[in-house]
Amino acid sequence: MTIKSFLAKPFAAYIQRTIKADMAKALSDQQHQLQRLLKVGANTVFGKSVHLKDVNDYQSFRSAVPIQDYEGMKGWITQIKEGKHNVLWRGRPLYFAKTSGTTSGVKYIPITKDSIPNHINTARNALLCYMAETGNTRFADGKLIFLSGSPELERVGDIPTGRLSGIVNHHVPRYLRANQLPSYQTNCIEDWETKLAQIVEETLHQPMTLISGIPPWMQMYFDALTQRSGKRVGELFPDFSVMVQGGVNFEPYRTRLFESIGRKVDTIELFPASEGFFAFQDSQQAEGMLLNTNSGIFYEFIPADQVGSKEPQRISLADVKVGQQYALIINSNAGLWGYDIGDMVRFVSTDPYRLVVTGRTKHFISAFGEHVIGEEVEYCIREAAQQMGVGVTEFTVAPHVSNDNTRSYHEWFIEFDQLPPSIETLAARINELLCQKNVYYNDLIQGNILAPLQIRVVRKGGFIDYMRSVGKLGGQNKVPRLSNDRKLADALTSFT
């Protein structure tokens, strides 16, 4: 044990006590956050346009502030790019986090002096809660590998701009920098495959104890390590004990990642986004992630059955129910107001407020009225694959609308580690599970409106080749689980 891991213990215990105190006052903290946002926001260009100075409670707030996505925010962001001050928040943003959108193209999300601690402190708190609960502080003495975007920043409207993970790289605490890998120079490599090869060379003989990244890119790193060394990851790094992950549901990747390591390691799940760091796994014993209720964000929720309606019901944290699906809406000290981040969540506890991310509001299939969501397809393929002993590398689902007299169906594009003995048997089992999970899908199957789903096998490496072909290999890019159209599916046919 070094002085670093020794000193981490009392600090971790202190942070854990602070977080537990926040758990007990989550609702009052949310009211406090709203009042702080209103106080500053009233003096902004946006705040004056919606008369925030006249807002004094949540009821008047939701009447004044509309729900908006990035398209609705775009005009305000343009004003910031043009050099204006006090547009969405006081002063000007410290950074723009650049992220890819669908209809909007590149999105520029403001990060302010007031909001940057939310991103930095929440990641720290997740690790410290883990230390306090498990007593494992040894990983702080080894090398910590962060698979992130480039820290090189450009200027947009004279504001430093880059990927969120690259921005956060500039704020890694000094006491961790000596342990951090890869090097700054390697992190700056834009081409993912070149970067990955260099990361492997830099880390192969280092005492790695922790890795952080999104699961599909961690898997690529593990595969590259094994190909380079001929050893499993756990053999290369005997002290490797913690895997920090977020960005996508971990479950579809869990089995293969642990097989690559050769043993199980502890995992810590995070819910970060360019718009804010919303939740983190505070316990290895409890399901879900703890909502970050005291960190510059006031949350709202829209029930799943009202997503997309013109005047959806908006509720505060006080009114959420366990087991129900909600679209997550945020108001933050980054200057985001009534902002629909595009994620669906489900609360697994309200004492404290813990949730799981169930998918994207725009990632669903309802071409025939079934409204199948990400959580459902991930559950079905995970259960079916485990029951049949099948390893799944990656998958996505799209509707197949028939133009003749045959029935339409859902088409599942799946890349396997090894092909199952019977594709038809696997498809039938997934279909059976989906019928059990989604009553609308079951009705369509039973009513002979939809045919049972079909599987199209994607060749090995096909998803990676597809991501490379569209310039989205590496970084924080990921394959959508569901699409309500055929754009992705049709592109993938070239990789089957």
Protein backbone atom coordinates (compact mmCIF):
# COMPACT_ATOMS: atom_id res chain seq x y z
CA MET A 1 0.00 0.00 0.00
CA THR A 2 1.37 3.41 -0.98
CA ILE A 3 0.64 6.74 0.67
CA LYS A 4 -1.89 7.44 -2.11
CA SER A 5 -4.07 4.40 -1.40
CA PHE A 6 -3.60 4.88 2.36
CA LEU A 7 -4.87 8.47 2.26
CA ALA A 8 -7.71 7.50 -0.07
CA LYS A 9 -9.47 5.51 2.67
CA PRO A 10 -10.46 8.37 5.00
CA PHE A 11 -11.32 10.65 2.06
CA ALA A 12 -13.49 7.92 0.53
CA ALA A 13 -15.31 7.44 3.85
CA TYR A 14 -15.94 11.19 4.09
CA ILE A 15 -17.34 11.41 0.55
CA GLN A 16 -19.54 8.36 1.14
CA ARG A 17 -21.00 9.99 4.27
CA THR A 18 -21.68 13.18 2.30
CA ILE A 19 -23.45 11.24 -0.46
CA LYS A 20 -25.55 9.30 2.04
CA ALA A 21 -26.59 12.61 3.60
CA ASP A 22 -27.61 13.83 0.12
CA MET A 23 -29.70 10.68 -0.36
CA ALA A 24 -31.84 11.62 2.64
CA LYS A 25 -32.58 15.11 1.34
CA ALA A 26 -32.88 14.51 -2.40
CA LEU A 27 -36.23 16.28 -2.79
CA SER A 28 -35.23 19.37 -0.81
CA ASP A 29 -31.94 19.48 -2.74
CA GLN A 30 -33.91 19.44 -5.99
CA GLN A 31 -36.00 22.39 -4.83
CA HIS A 32 -32.82 24.21 -3.89
CA GLN A 33 -31.30 23.48 -7.30
CA LEU A 34 -34.39 24.87 -9.04
CA GLN A 35 -34.27 28.09 -7.03
CA ARG A 36 -30.55 28.56 -7.75
CA LEU A 37 -31.12 28.01 -11.46
CA LEU A 38 -33.99 30.51 -11.49
CA LYS A 39 -31.93 33.14 -9.66
CA VAL A 40 -29.15 33.08 -12.26
CA GLY A 41 -31.31 32.23 -15.26
CA ALA A 42 -33.63 35.21 -14.76
CA ASN A 43 -30.83 37.54 -15.87
CA THR A 44 -30.00 35.69 -19.09
CA VAL A 45 -31.30 36.39 -22.58
CA PHE A 46 -33.22 33.11 -22.48
CA GLY A 47 -34.54 33.77 -18.98
CA LYS A 48 -35.88 37.17 -19.95
CA SER A 49 -37.58 35.70 -23.02
CA VAL A 50 -39.62 33.29 -20.86
CA HIS A 51 -39.95 35.67 -17.86
CA LEU A 52 -38.08 33.51 -15.36
CA LYS A 53 -38.15 36.40 -12.87
CA ASP A 54 -41.89 35.74 -12.48
CA VAL A 55 -41.39 32.03 -11.80
CA ASN A 56 -41.41 31.00 -8.15
CA ASP A 57 -42.36 27.33 -8.09
CA TYR A 58 -42.32 24.21 -10.24
CA GLN A 59 -45.87 24.69 -11.49
CA SER A 60 -45.09 28.13 -12.92
CA PHE A 61 -41.69 26.91 -14.14
CA ARG A 62 -43.09 24.18 -16.37
CA SER A 63 -45.64 26.64 -17.75
CA ALA A 64 -42.89 29.11 -18.64
CA VAL A 65 -40.09 26.85 -19.91
CA PRO A 66 -40.87 24.64 -22.94
CA ILE A 67 -39.52 21.15 -23.50
CA GLN A 68 -36.90 21.37 -26.23
CA ASP A 69 -34.28 19.22 -27.88
CA TYR A 70 -31.13 20.50 -29.57
CA GLU A 71 -33.09 21.86 -32.52
CA GLY A 72 -34.98 24.09 -30.10
CA MET A 73 -31.73 25.19 -28.44
CA LYS A 74 -29.85 25.80 -31.67
CA GLY A 75 -30.73 29.49 -31.97
CA TRP A 76 -29.42 30.22 -28.48
CA ILE A 77 -26.21 28.27 -29.17
CA THR A 78 -25.73 30.31 -32.36
CA GLN A 79 -25.89 33.51 -30.30
CA ILE A 80 -23.15 32.16 -28.03
CA LYS A 81 -21.02 31.26 -31.06
CA GLU A 82 -21.47 34.84 -32.29
CA GLY A 83 -19.83 36.11 -29.11
CA LYS A 84 -22.82 37.16 -27.04
CA HIS A 85 -22.72 36.93 -23.25
CA ASN A 86 -25.35 35.81 -20.71
CA VAL A 87 -27.36 33.94 -23.34
CA LEU A 88 -28.30 30.72 -21.51
CA TRP A 89 -26.16 31.15 -18.39
CA ARG A 90 -24.08 33.93 -16.93
CA GLY A 91 -21.02 34.90 -18.95
CA ARG A 92 -19.86 32.52 -21.65
CA PRO A 93 -19.26 28.75 -21.54
CA LEU A 94 -15.82 27.41 -20.66
CA TYR A 95 -16.21 24.77 -23.37
CA PHE A 96 -18.46 23.36 -26.03
CA ALA A 97 -18.76 19.58 -25.83
CA LYS A 98 -19.06 18.43 -29.42
CA THR A 99 -21.33 15.46 -29.98
CA SER A 100 -22.94 13.96 -33.04
CA GLY A 101 -26.68 14.31 -33.53
CA THR A 102 -29.06 12.75 -36.03
CA THR A 103 -31.20 15.52 -37.50
CA SER A 104 -29.01 18.28 -36.08
CA GLY A 105 -25.64 17.06 -37.31
CA VAL A 106 -22.90 18.13 -34.88
CA LYS A 107 -24.24 19.41 -31.57
CA TYR A 108 -22.40 21.95 -29.42
CA ILE A 109 -23.33 21.52 -25.76
CA PRO A 110 -22.19 24.29 -23.38
CA ILE A 111 -20.11 23.45 -20.31
CA THR A 112 -19.77 26.35 -17.89
CA LYS A 113 -17.57 27.23 -14.94
CA ASP A 114 -20.48 26.24 -12.71
CA SER A 115 -21.20 22.93 -14.47
CA ILE A 116 -17.69 21.49 -14.93
CA PRO A 117 -17.51 20.25 -11.29
CA ASN A 118 -20.56 18.07 -12.00
CA HIS A 119 -18.56 16.13 -14.60
CA ILE A 120 -15.33 15.87 -12.57
CA ASN A 121 -16.65 15.32 -9.05
CA THR A 122 -19.24 12.71 -9.99
CA ALA A 123 -16.67 10.42 -11.60
CA ARG A 124 -14.48 10.88 -8.52
CA ASN A 125 -17.38 10.14 -6.18
CA ALA A 126 -18.18 6.88 -7.97
CA LEU A 127 -14.65 5.61 -7.36
CA LEU A 128 -14.58 6.82 -3.76
CA CYS A 129 -17.92 5.17 -2.95
CA TYR A 130 -16.52 1.95 -4.37
CA MET A 131 -13.39 2.30 -2.22
CA ALA A 132 -15.41 3.02 0.94
CA GLU A 133 -17.76 0.09 0.42
CA THR A 134 -15.29 -2.59 -0.71
CA GLY A 135 -12.09 -1.47 1.00
CA ASN A 136 -10.27 -1.89 -2.33
CA THR A 137 -7.92 1.08 -2.59
CA ARG A 138 -5.06 -0.85 -4.17
CA PHE A 139 -6.12 0.06 -7.70
CA ALA A 140 -5.09 3.66 -6.95
CA ASP A 141 -1.46 2.48 -6.87
CA GLY A 142 -1.51 0.97 -10.36
CA LYS A 143 -2.02 2.29 -13.87
CA LEU A 144 -5.46 3.60 -14.79
CA ILE A 145 -6.40 3.27 -18.46
CA PHE A 146 -8.98 5.69 -19.83
CA LEU A 147 -10.21 4.98 -23.36
CA SER A 148 -11.32 8.46 -24.33
CA GLY A 149 -11.56 10.95 -27.15
CA SER A 150 -8.77 13.28 -28.16
CA PRO A 151 -7.95 16.04 -25.64
CA GLU A 152 -6.99 18.36 -28.48
CA LEU A 153 -9.51 21.20 -28.66
CA GLU A 154 -10.52 23.49 -31.50
CA ARG A 155 -12.17 26.88 -31.12
CA VAL A 156 -15.78 27.51 -32.09
CA GLY A 157 -16.93 31.06 -31.48
CA ASP A 158 -13.66 31.48 -29.57
CA ILE A 159 -14.73 28.75 -27.14
CA PRO A 160 -12.53 25.63 -26.70
CA THR A 161 -14.44 22.74 -28.25
CA GLY A 162 -14.00 18.97 -28.29
CA ARG A 163 -15.40 15.63 -27.21
CA LEU A 164 -16.53 15.50 -23.58
CA SER A 165 -14.02 12.78 -22.68
CA GLY A 166 -11.25 14.89 -24.20
CA ILE A 167 -12.36 17.97 -22.25
CA VAL A 168 -12.50 16.02 -18.99
CA ASN A 169 -8.96 14.80 -19.72
CA HIS A 170 -7.78 18.35 -19.04
CA HIS A 171 -9.28 18.19 -15.54
CA VAL A 172 -7.90 14.86 -14.32
CA PRO A 173 -6.64 15.56 -10.77
CA ARG A 174 -2.90 15.95 -10.45
CA TYR A 175 -2.66 13.02 -8.02
CA LEU A 176 -3.97 10.69 -10.77
CA ARG A 177 -1.98 12.03 -13.72
CA ALA A 178 1.11 9.96 -12.92
CA ASN A 179 -1.05 6.83 -13.06
CA GLN A 180 -3.01 7.75 -16.19
CA LEU A 181 -2.64 5.93 -19.50
CA PRO A 182 -2.47 6.27 -22.46
CA SER A 183 -0.13 9.22 -22.87
CA TYR A 184 -1.38 12.62 -23.98
CA GLN A 185 0.30 12.15 -27.36
CA THR A 186 -1.42 8.82 -27.96
CA ASN A 187 -4.77 10.20 -26.83
CA CYS A 188 -4.45 12.88 -29.51
CA ILE A 189 -4.38 10.32 -32.34
CA GLU A 190 -7.65 10.70 -34.26
CA ASP A 191 -7.72 7.42 -36.21
CA TRP A 192 -9.11 4.83 -33.80
CA GLU A 193 -7.25 1.78 -35.13
CA THR A 194 -3.90 3.61 -35.13
CA LYS A 195 -4.67 4.89 -31.65
CA LEU A 196 -5.70 1.45 -30.40
CA ALA A 197 -2.47 -0.13 -31.64
CA GLN A 198 -0.45 2.55 -29.85
CA ILE A 199 -2.48 2.14 -26.64
CA VAL A 200 -1.70 -1.58 -26.70
CA GLU A 201 2.03 -0.92 -27.06
CA GLU A 202 2.01 1.65 -24.25
CA THR A 203 0.02 -0.44 -21.80
CA LEU A 204 1.06 -4.03 -22.54
CA HIS A 205 3.78 -4.17 -19.88
CA GLN A 206 2.24 -1.75 -17.37
CA PRO A 207 0.64 -2.73 -14.03
CA MET A 208 -2.92 -1.89 -15.07
CA THR A 209 -5.46 -2.00 -12.21
CA LEU A 210 -8.45 -0.09 -13.65
CA ILE A 211 -9.89 0.56 -17.08
CA SER A 212 -12.62 3.01 -18.04
CA GLY A 213 -14.51 3.29 -21.32
CA ILE A 214 -17.63 2.21 -23.18
CA PRO A 215 -17.96 -1.61 -23.38
CA PRO A 216 -17.59 -2.18 -27.16
CA TRP A 217 -14.32 -0.23 -27.30
CA MET A 218 -13.01 -1.93 -24.15
CA GLN A 219 -13.69 -5.23 -25.92
CA MET A 220 -11.72 -4.08 -28.96
CA TYR A 221 -8.84 -3.12 -26.66
CA PHE A 222 -8.96 -6.51 -24.92
CA ASP A 223 -9.03 -8.34 -28.27
CA ALA A 224 -6.03 -6.34 -29.48
CA LEU A 225 -4.12 -7.09 -26.26
CA THR A 226 -4.78 -10.82 -26.61
CA GLN A 227 -3.85 -10.84 -30.29
CA ARG A 228 -0.60 -9.01 -29.51
CA SER A 229 0.41 -11.09 -26.48
CA GLY A 230 -1.35 -14.44 -26.83
CA LYS A 231 -2.57 -14.06 -23.24
CA ARG A 232 -5.82 -13.21 -21.56
CA VAL A 233 -6.15 -9.75 -20.09
CA GLY A 234 -6.18 -11.09 -16.52
CA GLU A 235 -2.83 -12.82 -17.12
CA LEU A 236 -1.28 -9.65 -18.52
CA PHE A 237 -2.60 -7.55 -15.65
CA PRO A 238 -2.82 -9.72 -12.51
CA ASP A 239 -3.78 -6.72 -10.34
CA PHE A 240 -6.59 -5.58 -12.66
CA SER A 241 -9.65 -5.32 -10.40
CA VAL A 242 -12.02 -2.52 -11.53
CA MET A 243 -13.82 -1.83 -14.80
CA VAL A 244 -15.64 1.52 -15.07
CA GLN A 245 -18.21 1.65 -17.85
CA GLY A 246 -21.12 3.62 -19.21
CA GLY A 247 -22.64 4.90 -22.43
CA VAL A 248 -24.43 1.66 -23.33
CA ASN A 249 -26.07 -1.18 -21.42
CA PHE A 250 -23.26 -3.34 -20.04
CA GLU A 251 -25.17 -6.65 -19.94
CA PRO A 252 -24.85 -7.63 -23.64
CA TYR A 253 -21.06 -7.25 -23.33
CA ARG A 254 -20.53 -8.66 -19.81
CA THR A 255 -19.95 -12.33 -20.66
CA ARG A 256 -17.46 -11.76 -23.46
CA LEU A 257 -15.54 -9.07 -21.56
CA PHE A 258 -15.11 -11.37 -18.56
CA GLU A 259 -14.10 -14.23 -20.88
CA SER A 260 -11.42 -11.96 -22.36
CA ILE A 261 -10.17 -11.14 -18.86
CA GLY A 262 -10.33 -14.77 -17.73
CA ARG A 263 -12.08 -13.93 -14.46
CA LYS A 264 -14.61 -11.54 -13.02
CA VAL A 265 -13.67 -8.05 -11.87
CA ASP A 266 -15.75 -5.42 -10.11
CA THR A 267 -17.67 -3.05 -12.36
CA ILE A 268 -18.81 0.52 -11.74
CA GLU A 269 -21.58 1.87 -13.97
CA LEU A 270 -21.82 5.57 -14.83
CA PHE A 271 -24.45 7.71 -16.56
CA PRO A 272 -22.45 10.57 -18.10
CA ALA A 273 -23.35 12.66 -21.13
CA SER A 274 -22.16 15.88 -22.70
CA GLU A 275 -25.20 17.54 -21.10
CA GLY A 276 -24.30 16.43 -17.57
CA PHE A 277 -23.26 13.59 -15.29
CA PHE A 278 -26.62 12.33 -14.08
CA ALA A 279 -26.06 9.19 -12.02
CA PHE A 280 -23.47 6.70 -10.85
CA GLN A 281 -23.32 3.31 -9.20
CA ASP A 282 -22.75 4.03 -5.53
CA SER A 283 -22.93 0.42 -4.30
CA GLN A 284 -21.88 -3.01 -5.50
CA GLN A 285 -24.84 -4.46 -3.58
CA ALA A 286 -27.72 -2.36 -4.95
CA GLU A 287 -29.37 -2.35 -8.36
CA GLY A 288 -29.16 0.79 -10.47
CA MET A 289 -27.34 4.11 -10.28
CA LEU A 290 -27.84 6.86 -7.73
CA LEU A 291 -29.36 10.01 -9.24
CA ASN A 292 -27.12 13.05 -8.80
CA THR A 293 -29.63 15.34 -7.05
CA ASN A 294 -27.27 17.96 -5.62
CA SER A 295 -25.01 18.87 -8.53
CA GLY A 296 -26.43 21.82 -10.46
CA ILE A 297 -29.22 19.93 -12.25
CA PHE A 298 -32.98 20.06 -11.74
CA TYR A 299 -34.68 17.00 -13.23
CA GLU A 300 -38.05 16.55 -14.87
CA PHE A 301 -39.64 13.40 -16.23
CA ILE A 302 -42.16 12.62 -18.98
CA PRO A 303 -44.05 9.30 -18.73
CA ALA A 304 -43.15 6.98 -21.60
CA ASP A 305 -46.66 6.88 -23.02
CA GLN A 306 -46.60 10.67 -23.47
CA VAL A 307 -43.23 10.97 -25.19
CA GLY A 308 -43.69 12.76 -28.50
CA SER A 309 -47.06 14.32 -27.63
CA LYS A 310 -47.53 18.07 -28.06
CA GLU A 311 -48.22 18.79 -24.39
CA PRO A 312 -46.80 15.90 -22.38
CA GLN A 313 -47.24 15.62 -18.65
CA ARG A 314 -44.14 16.85 -16.82
CA ILE A 315 -43.39 15.71 -13.30
CA SER A 316 -40.63 16.40 -10.81
CA LEU A 317 -38.62 13.82 -8.89
CA ALA A 318 -41.21 13.83 -6.09
CA ASP A 319 -43.79 12.14 -8.32
CA VAL A 320 -41.79 9.39 -10.05
CA LYS A 321 -42.85 5.78 -9.50
CA VAL A 322 -40.73 2.65 -9.27
CA GLY A 323 -40.92 0.48 -12.38
CA GLN A 324 -42.26 3.13 -14.74
CA GLN A 325 -40.42 4.40 -17.82
CA TYR A 326 -39.70 8.12 -18.18
CA ALA A 327 -37.96 10.40 -20.65
CA LEU A 328 -35.34 12.40 -18.75
CA ILE A 329 -35.54 16.21 -18.99
CA ILE A 330 -32.86 18.44 -17.46
CA ASN A 331 -32.40 22.05 -16.43
CA SER A 332 -28.83 22.84 -15.51
CA ASN A 333 -26.17 25.38 -14.65
CA ALA A 334 -24.69 24.67 -18.08
CA GLY A 335 -27.60 26.72 -19.42
CA LEU A 336 -29.79 23.87 -20.60
CA TRP A 337 -33.49 24.55 -20.00
CA GLY A 338 -36.30 22.01 -20.41
CA TYR A 339 -33.77 19.96 -22.35
CA ASP A 340 -34.76 16.51 -23.57
CA ILE A 341 -31.51 14.53 -23.52
CA GLY A 342 -33.09 11.66 -25.45
CA ASP A 343 -32.70 8.95 -22.79
CA MET A 344 -35.35 6.77 -21.18
CA VAL A 345 -34.92 5.76 -17.55
CA ARG A 346 -36.70 3.51 -15.08
CA PHE A 347 -36.48 3.95 -11.32
CA VAL A 348 -35.66 0.81 -9.35
CA SER A 349 -35.83 2.63 -6.01
CA THR A 350 -37.08 5.95 -4.62
CA ASP A 351 -35.37 5.61 -1.24
CA PRO A 352 -32.78 6.46 -2.37
CA TYR A 353 -33.46 7.50 -5.98
CA ARG A 354 -31.75 4.87 -8.09
CA LEU A 355 -32.42 4.27 -11.78
CA VAL A 356 -31.39 2.30 -14.83
CA VAL A 357 -31.14 3.62 -18.38
CA THR A 358 -33.52 1.67 -20.59
CA GLY A 359 -32.80 3.13 -24.02
CA ARG A 360 -33.10 6.17 -26.23
CA THR A 361 -36.39 7.95 -26.85
CA LYS A 362 -35.71 7.79 -30.59
CA HIS A 363 -34.42 4.21 -30.56
CA PHE A 364 -37.53 2.06 -30.72
CA ILE A 365 -39.56 0.06 -33.20
CA SER A 366 -43.20 0.94 -33.60
CA ALA A 367 -43.62 0.51 -37.34
CA PHE A 368 -46.68 -1.63 -36.60
CA GLY A 369 -47.79 -0.12 -33.26
CA GLU A 370 -45.70 -2.43 -31.05
CA HIS A 371 -43.38 0.19 -29.46
CA VAL A 372 -40.54 -2.22 -28.67
CA ILE A 373 -37.77 -0.50 -26.69
CA GLY A 374 -34.07 -1.10 -26.11
CA GLU A 375 -34.43 -2.63 -22.66
CA GLU A 376 -36.75 -5.30 -24.07
CA VAL A 377 -34.56 -6.43 -26.97
CA GLU A 378 -31.43 -6.44 -24.79
CA TYR A 379 -33.18 -8.62 -22.22
CA CYS A 380 -34.46 -11.05 -24.85
CA ILE A 381 -31.17 -11.59 -26.64
CA ARG A 382 -29.26 -11.86 -23.37
CA GLU A 383 -31.63 -14.51 -21.97
CA ALA A 384 -31.84 -16.49 -25.21
CA ALA A 385 -28.07 -16.41 -25.74
CA GLN A 386 -27.40 -17.60 -22.18
CA GLN A 387 -29.96 -20.38 -22.46
CA MET A 388 -28.41 -21.62 -25.71
CA GLY A 389 -24.79 -21.00 -24.76
CA VAL A 390 -24.31 -18.48 -27.57
CA GLY A 391 -21.88 -15.55 -27.52
CA VAL A 392 -23.17 -12.35 -29.12
CA THR A 393 -20.67 -9.68 -30.20
CA GLU A 394 -23.09 -6.96 -31.37
CA PHE A 395 -26.63 -6.59 -32.69
CA THR A 396 -29.30 -4.20 -33.91
CA VAL A 397 -32.97 -4.57 -34.83
CA ALA A 398 -35.09 -2.97 -37.57
CA PRO A 399 -38.55 -3.50 -39.07
CA HIS A 400 -38.88 -5.35 -42.36
CA VAL A 401 -42.02 -4.15 -44.13
CA SER A 402 -43.16 -6.58 -46.81
CA ASN A 403 -44.37 -5.23 -50.13
CA ASP A 404 -46.14 -8.42 -51.19
CA ASN A 405 -48.72 -10.65 -49.52
CA THR A 406 -46.29 -12.00 -46.92
CA ARG A 407 -46.28 -10.71 -43.35
CA SER A 408 -43.83 -8.08 -42.16
CA TYR A 409 -41.42 -8.91 -39.34
CA HIS A 410 -38.59 -7.63 -37.16
CA GLU A 411 -35.15 -8.31 -38.61
CA TRP A 412 -32.33 -8.86 -36.12
CA PHE A 413 -28.79 -8.27 -37.39
CA ILE A 414 -26.51 -10.26 -35.07
CA GLU A 415 -22.75 -10.81 -35.03
CA PHE A 416 -21.79 -13.96 -33.11
CA ASP A 417 -18.57 -15.11 -31.47
CA GLN A 418 -19.47 -18.53 -32.83
CA LEU A 419 -22.55 -19.42 -34.83
CA PRO A 420 -25.28 -21.19 -32.82
CA PRO A 421 -26.23 -24.73 -33.88
CA SER A 422 -29.56 -23.44 -35.17
CA ILE A 423 -30.30 -19.85 -36.12
CA GLU A 424 -33.99 -20.74 -36.40
CA THR A 425 -34.13 -22.10 -32.84
CA LEU A 426 -32.45 -18.98 -31.47
CA ALA A 427 -34.82 -16.74 -33.43
CA ALA A 428 -37.83 -18.66 -32.10
CA ARG A 429 -36.60 -18.32 -28.51
CA ILE A 430 -35.96 -14.57 -28.84
CA ASN A 431 -39.39 -14.19 -30.42
CA GLU A 432 -41.02 -16.11 -27.56
CA LEU A 433 -39.27 -13.94 -24.95
CA LEU A 434 -40.24 -10.73 -26.75
CA CYS A 435 -43.88 -11.85 -26.83
CA GLN A 436 -43.68 -12.35 -23.06
CA LYS A 437 -42.04 -8.96 -22.57
CA ASN A 438 -44.19 -6.78 -24.85
CA VAL A 439 -47.95 -7.31 -24.96
CA TYR A 440 -48.39 -5.23 -28.13
CA TYR A 441 -45.82 -7.28 -30.02
CA ASN A 442 -47.49 -10.46 -28.76
CA ASP A 443 -50.89 -9.27 -30.01
CA LEU A 444 -49.44 -8.59 -33.47
CA ILE A 445 -47.82 -12.04 -33.59
CA GLN A 446 -50.92 -13.83 -32.30
CA GLY A 447 -53.12 -11.88 -34.70
CA ASN A 448 -50.92 -12.92 -37.65
CA ILE A 449 -50.24 -9.26 -38.44
CA LEU A 450 -46.51 -9.76 -37.88
CA ALA A 451 -44.48 -12.85 -38.70
CA PRO A 452 -42.00 -14.08 -36.06
CA LEU A 453 -38.69 -12.26 -36.14
CA GLN A 454 -35.86 -13.34 -38.42
CA ILE A 455 -32.12 -13.24 -37.79
CA ARG A 456 -29.62 -12.08 -40.38
CA VAL A 457 -26.07 -13.05 -39.44
CA VAL A 458 -23.48 -10.29 -39.67
CA ARG A 459 -20.03 -11.63 -40.51
CA LYS A 460 -17.29 -11.48 -37.90
CA GLY A 461 -15.99 -7.94 -37.60
CA GLY A 462 -18.93 -6.70 -39.67
CA PHE A 463 -20.15 -4.11 -37.18
CA ILE A 464 -16.65 -2.71 -36.78
CA ASP A 465 -16.28 -2.56 -40.55
CA TYR A 466 -19.62 -0.76 -40.80
CA MET A 467 -18.63 1.80 -38.13
CA ARG A 468 -15.34 2.34 -39.96
CA SER A 469 -17.18 2.87 -43.25
CA VAL A 470 -19.28 5.70 -41.79
CA GLY A 471 -16.37 7.31 -39.92
CA LYS A 472 -17.62 6.38 -36.45
CA LEU A 473 -15.05 3.85 -35.31
CA GLY A 474 -13.82 4.49 -31.76
CA GLY A 475 -14.41 7.28 -29.31
CA GLN A 476 -17.88 7.36 -27.78
CA ASN A 477 -19.72 6.15 -30.89
CA LYS A 478 -21.98 3.13 -30.56
CA VAL A 479 -24.39 1.06 -32.64
CA PRO A 480 -28.10 1.84 -32.00
CA ARG A 481 -29.96 -1.17 -30.64
CA LEU A 482 -33.17 -0.26 -32.47
CA SER A 483 -34.24 1.77 -35.47
CA ASN A 484 -37.76 2.51 -36.62
CA ASP A 485 -36.56 2.66 -40.23
CA ARG A 486 -34.27 0.65 -42.51
CA LYS A 487 -31.38 3.08 -42.94
CA LEU A 488 -28.95 1.22 -40.67
CA ALA A 489 -30.32 -2.20 -41.59
CA ASP A 490 -29.91 -1.62 -45.31
CA ALA A 491 -26.35 -0.41 -44.78
CA LEU A 492 -25.54 -3.53 -42.75
CA THR A 493 -26.62 -5.89 -45.53
CA SER A 494 -23.22 -5.26 -47.13
CA PHE A 495 -21.57 -6.74 -44.02
CA THR A 496 -23.52 -10.00 -43.78
